[in-house]
Amino acid sequence: MTEYVKISDAEGVRTIAFSRTDKKNALTREMYDAAANALNGAQNDPEIRVVLFAGEGDSFTAGNDLNDFLEHPPFSEDGPSPVERFMTALMEAKKPVVAAVGGLSVGIGVTMLLHCDLVYASRMATFSTPFVKLALAPEFASSITMPAVMGCAKAAEMLLLGEKLSAEEAERAGLVARVFADEELIEQATARCRKLAKLAPGAVADAKTLLRAPAEDLAARMQREGKLFNERLGSDEFKEAAGAFFERREPDFSKFG
């Protein structure tokens, strides 16, 4: 564990906050390791329904700490490095992952967002991926995920030219779901996480699986959805939802893990 990653749990939400404010939350191996452990731990904790990433101070994260990475290359042939563990944990997360981006977001601070389910930003947020500017290559599968989200032209501006996006531009490009006033960001993002945490966890997981599934033709996807829909109709979660509807009360999914 490291003091630069703060973890807190409340109302079904695990918040993982980057807290190296004097370095604009630049990530080190130890920070990646702590974030990976917290994210993996959330998957096995029935009390945690949603994970929220945030950054303290005026930055989400300035990306990788270059001095740390020059000393310890992020990828290893001797087994998964902390960076690889974090990337794998985020890509394979079964529970919803939300990001609240306030201020500077660079490199991994952008590419990780492409693997989150919901991204919210403050008006002061900026987004850049200056890999080629640093004579490096794109990472975290961003050469696939970024064009899929915002189209090849805008992705090329970011990945080739290292162009910076404002919060409003990121929202128009589809990287960000919604932009809030700076002072409202964490409150608004947390409220949406808590709303997610109150929903039926099995249904949420199925919806996330469908949203993240590889592309397929419409007929195949319709069949996949139909199979899950039928399974949902027989689930205890649906029985609770239907009962609540007829009894004119709010459903209680807290007993479902």
Protein backbone atom coordinates (compact mmCIF):
# COMPACT_ATOMS: atom_id res chain seq x y z
CA MET A 1 0.00 0.00 0.00
CA THR A 2 1.11 3.57 -0.58
CA GLU A 3 0.06 6.87 0.95
CA TYR A 4 -0.41 8.21 -2.59
CA VAL A 5 -3.52 6.10 -3.24
CA LYS A 6 -6.39 6.64 -0.81
CA ILE A 7 -9.17 4.08 -0.60
CA SER A 8 -12.52 4.59 1.08
CA ASP A 9 -15.76 2.59 1.09
CA ALA A 10 -19.23 4.02 1.69
CA GLU A 11 -22.77 3.10 0.61
CA GLY A 12 -21.61 0.38 -1.76
CA VAL A 13 -19.02 2.57 -3.48
CA ARG A 14 -15.25 2.11 -3.29
CA THR A 15 -13.40 5.33 -4.07
CA ILE A 16 -9.80 5.02 -5.27
CA ALA A 17 -8.22 8.47 -5.17
CA PHE A 18 -4.79 9.33 -6.57
CA SER A 19 -3.20 11.56 -3.93
CA ARG A 20 0.27 12.64 -4.97
CA THR A 21 -0.70 16.23 -5.39
CA ASP A 22 2.82 17.73 -5.38
CA LYS A 23 3.50 15.71 -8.57
CA LYS A 24 0.01 16.23 -10.06
CA ASN A 25 -0.79 12.62 -9.15
CA ALA A 26 1.83 11.17 -11.52
CA LEU A 27 1.67 7.39 -11.13
CA THR A 28 4.45 5.19 -9.81
CA ARG A 29 4.69 1.40 -9.72
CA GLU A 30 3.60 1.44 -6.09
CA MET A 31 0.53 3.50 -6.97
CA TYR A 32 -0.39 1.15 -9.80
CA ASP A 33 0.01 -1.81 -7.44
CA ALA A 34 -2.20 -0.23 -4.78
CA ALA A 35 -4.88 0.71 -7.31
CA ALA A 36 -4.85 -2.80 -8.81
CA ASN A 37 -5.21 -4.39 -5.37
CA ALA A 38 -8.09 -2.06 -4.48
CA LEU A 39 -9.87 -2.71 -7.76
CA ASN A 40 -9.41 -6.49 -7.56
CA GLY A 41 -10.50 -6.48 -3.93
CA ALA A 42 -13.71 -4.71 -4.85
CA GLN A 43 -14.63 -7.52 -7.23
CA ASN A 44 -14.60 -10.03 -4.37
CA ASP A 45 -16.38 -7.86 -1.80
CA PRO A 46 -20.18 -8.22 -1.93
CA GLU A 47 -20.55 -4.94 -0.05
CA ILE A 48 -18.89 -3.03 -2.90
CA ARG A 49 -21.09 -2.53 -5.95
CA VAL A 50 -19.27 0.28 -7.81
CA VAL A 51 -15.71 1.63 -8.02
CA LEU A 52 -15.02 5.36 -8.42
CA PHE A 53 -11.62 6.70 -9.53
CA ALA A 54 -10.74 10.28 -8.66
CA GLY A 55 -7.73 12.52 -8.22
CA GLU A 56 -7.03 14.89 -5.37
CA GLY A 57 -5.87 18.46 -5.91
CA ASP A 58 -5.95 20.09 -9.33
CA SER A 59 -5.28 16.94 -11.37
CA PHE A 60 -6.77 13.54 -12.08
CA THR A 61 -3.32 12.27 -13.01
CA ALA A 62 -0.45 13.68 -15.04
CA GLY A 63 0.24 10.17 -16.30
CA ASN A 64 3.26 8.03 -15.60
CA ASP A 65 6.12 9.26 -13.46
CA LEU A 66 8.85 9.16 -16.12
CA ASN A 67 11.74 8.90 -13.67
CA ASP A 68 10.09 5.94 -11.99
CA PHE A 69 9.39 4.27 -15.33
CA LEU A 70 12.91 4.82 -16.68
CA GLU A 71 14.19 2.99 -13.63
CA HIS A 72 11.47 0.33 -13.74
CA PRO A 73 10.06 -0.27 -17.27
CA PRO A 74 6.28 -0.76 -17.06
CA PHE A 75 6.14 -4.05 -18.95
CA SER A 76 8.09 -7.14 -18.01
CA GLU A 77 8.77 -10.58 -19.45
CA ASP A 78 9.16 -11.96 -15.92
CA GLY A 79 5.46 -11.86 -15.07
CA PRO A 80 2.86 -9.11 -14.82
CA SER A 81 4.22 -5.78 -13.61
CA PRO A 82 2.14 -3.44 -11.41
CA VAL A 83 1.16 -1.53 -14.55
CA GLU A 84 -0.03 -4.70 -16.28
CA ARG A 85 -1.87 -5.79 -13.12
CA PHE A 86 -3.72 -2.49 -13.02
CA MET A 87 -4.60 -2.56 -16.71
CA THR A 88 -5.84 -6.15 -16.47
CA ALA A 89 -7.85 -5.43 -13.33
CA LEU A 90 -9.59 -2.51 -15.02
CA MET A 91 -10.25 -4.35 -18.29
CA GLU A 92 -11.63 -7.40 -16.48
CA ALA A 93 -13.65 -5.60 -13.78
CA LYS A 94 -17.13 -7.10 -13.57
CA LYS A 95 -18.55 -4.29 -11.47
CA PRO A 96 -19.13 -0.79 -12.85
CA VAL A 97 -16.14 1.54 -12.82
CA VAL A 98 -16.72 5.29 -12.83
CA ALA A 99 -14.14 8.08 -13.16
CA ALA A 100 -14.41 11.67 -11.90
CA VAL A 101 -11.83 13.73 -13.80
CA GLY A 102 -11.02 17.10 -12.34
CA GLY A 103 -8.18 19.07 -13.89
CA LEU A 104 -5.22 17.59 -15.74
CA SER A 105 -5.56 14.13 -17.29
CA VAL A 106 -2.58 12.91 -19.32
CA GLY A 107 -1.52 9.61 -20.90
CA ILE A 108 -2.78 6.73 -18.79
CA GLY A 109 -5.13 9.27 -17.21
CA VAL A 110 -6.95 9.29 -20.56
CA THR A 111 -6.45 5.73 -21.81
CA MET A 112 -7.80 4.25 -18.57
CA LEU A 113 -11.02 6.23 -19.07
CA LEU A 114 -11.68 4.24 -22.24
CA HIS A 115 -12.07 1.16 -20.02
CA CYS A 116 -14.37 2.86 -17.48
CA ASP A 117 -18.12 2.55 -17.78
CA LEU A 118 -18.95 6.16 -16.96
CA VAL A 119 -16.68 9.21 -17.05
CA TYR A 120 -17.58 12.59 -15.58
CA ALA A 121 -15.44 15.71 -15.77
CA SER A 122 -15.18 19.13 -14.26
CA ARG A 123 -15.18 22.19 -16.50
CA MET A 124 -11.48 22.70 -15.81
CA ALA A 125 -10.56 19.17 -16.98
CA THR A 126 -8.22 18.68 -19.93
CA PHE A 127 -7.29 15.46 -21.73
CA SER A 128 -4.12 14.66 -23.69
CA THR A 129 -2.18 11.61 -24.85
CA PRO A 130 1.29 12.90 -25.85
CA PHE A 131 2.84 9.49 -26.46
CA VAL A 132 4.25 10.25 -29.91
CA LYS A 133 5.42 13.68 -28.72
CA LEU A 134 7.56 11.79 -26.20
CA ALA A 135 8.74 9.35 -28.91
CA LEU A 136 6.62 6.61 -27.35
CA ALA A 137 3.73 4.47 -28.64
CA PRO A 138 0.07 4.43 -27.58
CA GLU A 139 -0.76 2.04 -24.73
CA PHE A 140 -3.61 0.28 -22.92
CA ALA A 141 -5.17 -0.76 -26.25
CA SER A 142 -5.96 2.90 -26.94
CA SER A 143 -5.24 2.43 -30.65
CA ILE A 144 -8.43 0.32 -30.68
CA THR A 145 -10.57 1.83 -27.96
CA MET A 146 -10.06 5.51 -28.77
CA PRO A 147 -11.09 5.29 -32.46
CA ALA A 148 -14.07 3.17 -31.37
CA VAL A 149 -15.22 5.89 -28.97
CA MET A 150 -14.49 9.09 -30.87
CA GLY A 151 -13.77 8.06 -34.45
CA CYS A 152 -10.48 7.69 -36.29
CA ALA A 153 -10.02 11.37 -37.13
CA LYS A 154 -10.29 12.70 -33.57
CA ALA A 155 -8.34 9.73 -32.20
CA ALA A 156 -5.54 10.45 -34.68
CA GLU A 157 -5.37 14.06 -33.50
CA MET A 158 -4.91 12.83 -29.95
CA LEU A 159 -2.65 9.82 -30.53
CA LEU A 160 -0.53 11.23 -33.37
CA LEU A 161 -0.44 14.96 -32.68
CA GLY A 162 -1.03 14.84 -28.96
CA GLU A 163 -3.80 17.43 -29.25
CA LYS A 164 -5.42 18.45 -25.97
CA LEU A 165 -9.20 18.26 -25.45
CA SER A 166 -11.18 20.50 -23.13
CA ALA A 167 -13.93 18.99 -21.00
CA GLU A 168 -16.59 20.18 -23.44
CA GLU A 169 -14.67 18.77 -26.43
CA ALA A 170 -14.24 15.46 -24.61
CA GLU A 171 -17.98 15.36 -23.96
CA ARG A 172 -18.76 16.01 -27.63
CA ALA A 173 -16.24 13.33 -28.64
CA GLY A 174 -17.95 10.75 -26.43
CA LEU A 175 -15.09 10.32 -23.95
CA VAL A 176 -17.02 12.05 -21.17
CA ALA A 177 -20.67 11.42 -20.28
CA ARG A 178 -21.30 14.75 -18.57
CA VAL A 179 -19.48 17.90 -17.45
CA PHE A 180 -20.11 19.53 -14.08
CA ALA A 181 -18.97 22.68 -12.32
CA ASP A 182 -15.60 22.08 -10.67
CA GLU A 183 -16.99 22.20 -7.14
CA GLU A 184 -19.83 19.78 -8.00
CA LEU A 185 -17.85 17.04 -9.73
CA ILE A 186 -17.18 14.64 -6.85
CA GLU A 187 -20.64 15.12 -5.36
CA GLN A 188 -22.35 14.46 -8.69
CA ALA A 189 -20.16 11.50 -9.62
CA THR A 190 -20.58 9.95 -6.17
CA ALA A 191 -24.37 10.39 -6.34
CA ARG A 192 -24.46 8.48 -9.61
CA CYS A 193 -22.26 5.76 -8.16
CA ARG A 194 -24.60 5.38 -5.21
CA LYS A 195 -27.54 5.22 -7.59
CA LEU A 196 -25.79 2.40 -9.48
CA ALA A 197 -24.99 0.66 -6.21
CA LYS A 198 -28.71 0.43 -5.37
CA LEU A 199 -29.60 -1.34 -8.62
CA ALA A 200 -29.82 -5.10 -9.09
CA PRO A 201 -26.16 -6.21 -9.23
CA GLY A 202 -26.76 -9.14 -11.56
CA ALA A 203 -28.66 -6.99 -14.04
CA VAL A 204 -25.98 -4.31 -13.87
CA ALA A 205 -23.28 -6.91 -14.53
CA ASP A 206 -25.19 -8.32 -17.50
CA ALA A 207 -25.70 -4.85 -18.98
CA LYS A 208 -22.00 -4.06 -18.55
CA THR A 209 -21.05 -7.35 -20.21
CA LEU A 210 -23.24 -6.54 -23.21
CA LEU A 211 -21.89 -3.01 -23.51
CA ARG A 212 -18.29 -4.26 -23.39
CA ALA A 213 -18.77 -7.34 -25.59
CA PRO A 214 -16.85 -7.51 -28.90
CA ALA A 215 -18.69 -6.32 -31.98
CA GLU A 216 -21.00 -8.84 -33.65
CA ASP A 217 -23.85 -8.71 -36.14
CA LEU A 218 -27.23 -7.47 -34.95
CA ALA A 219 -28.97 -10.83 -35.12
CA ALA A 220 -26.30 -12.48 -32.95
CA ARG A 221 -26.44 -9.65 -30.43
CA MET A 222 -30.23 -9.81 -30.33
CA GLN A 223 -30.02 -13.54 -29.53
CA ARG A 224 -27.43 -12.91 -26.82
CA GLU A 225 -29.61 -10.22 -25.28
CA GLY A 226 -32.70 -12.42 -25.52
CA LYS A 227 -30.98 -15.25 -23.66
CA LEU A 228 -29.93 -12.92 -20.85
CA PHE A 229 -33.38 -11.28 -20.79
CA ASN A 230 -35.04 -14.67 -20.27
CA GLU A 231 -32.57 -15.53 -17.51
CA ARG A 232 -33.30 -12.21 -15.84
CA LEU A 233 -37.06 -12.95 -15.90
CA GLY A 234 -36.39 -16.02 -13.76
CA SER A 235 -34.04 -14.30 -11.35
CA ASP A 236 -34.70 -13.41 -7.72
CA GLU A 237 -33.69 -9.86 -8.59
CA PHE A 238 -36.56 -9.58 -11.07
CA LYS A 239 -38.97 -11.08 -8.53
CA GLU A 240 -37.97 -8.32 -6.12
CA ALA A 241 -38.31 -5.64 -8.81
CA ALA A 242 -41.73 -6.93 -9.92
CA GLY A 243 -42.95 -7.27 -6.34
CA ALA A 244 -41.86 -3.72 -5.57
CA PHE A 245 -43.65 -2.45 -8.68
CA PHE A 246 -46.97 -4.05 -7.72
CA GLU A 247 -46.58 -3.07 -4.07
CA ARG A 248 -45.72 0.50 -5.07
CA ARG A 249 -42.46 0.60 -3.14
CA GLU A 250 -38.79 0.97 -3.94
CA PRO A 251 -37.06 -2.36 -4.65
CA ASP A 252 -34.40 -3.51 -2.19
CA PHE A 253 -31.50 -5.26 -3.93
CA SER A 254 -29.16 -5.07 -0.91
CA LYS A 255 -29.52 -8.81 -0.22
CA PHE A 256 -28.20 -9.75 -3.65
CA GLY A 257 -24.44 -10.15 -4.01
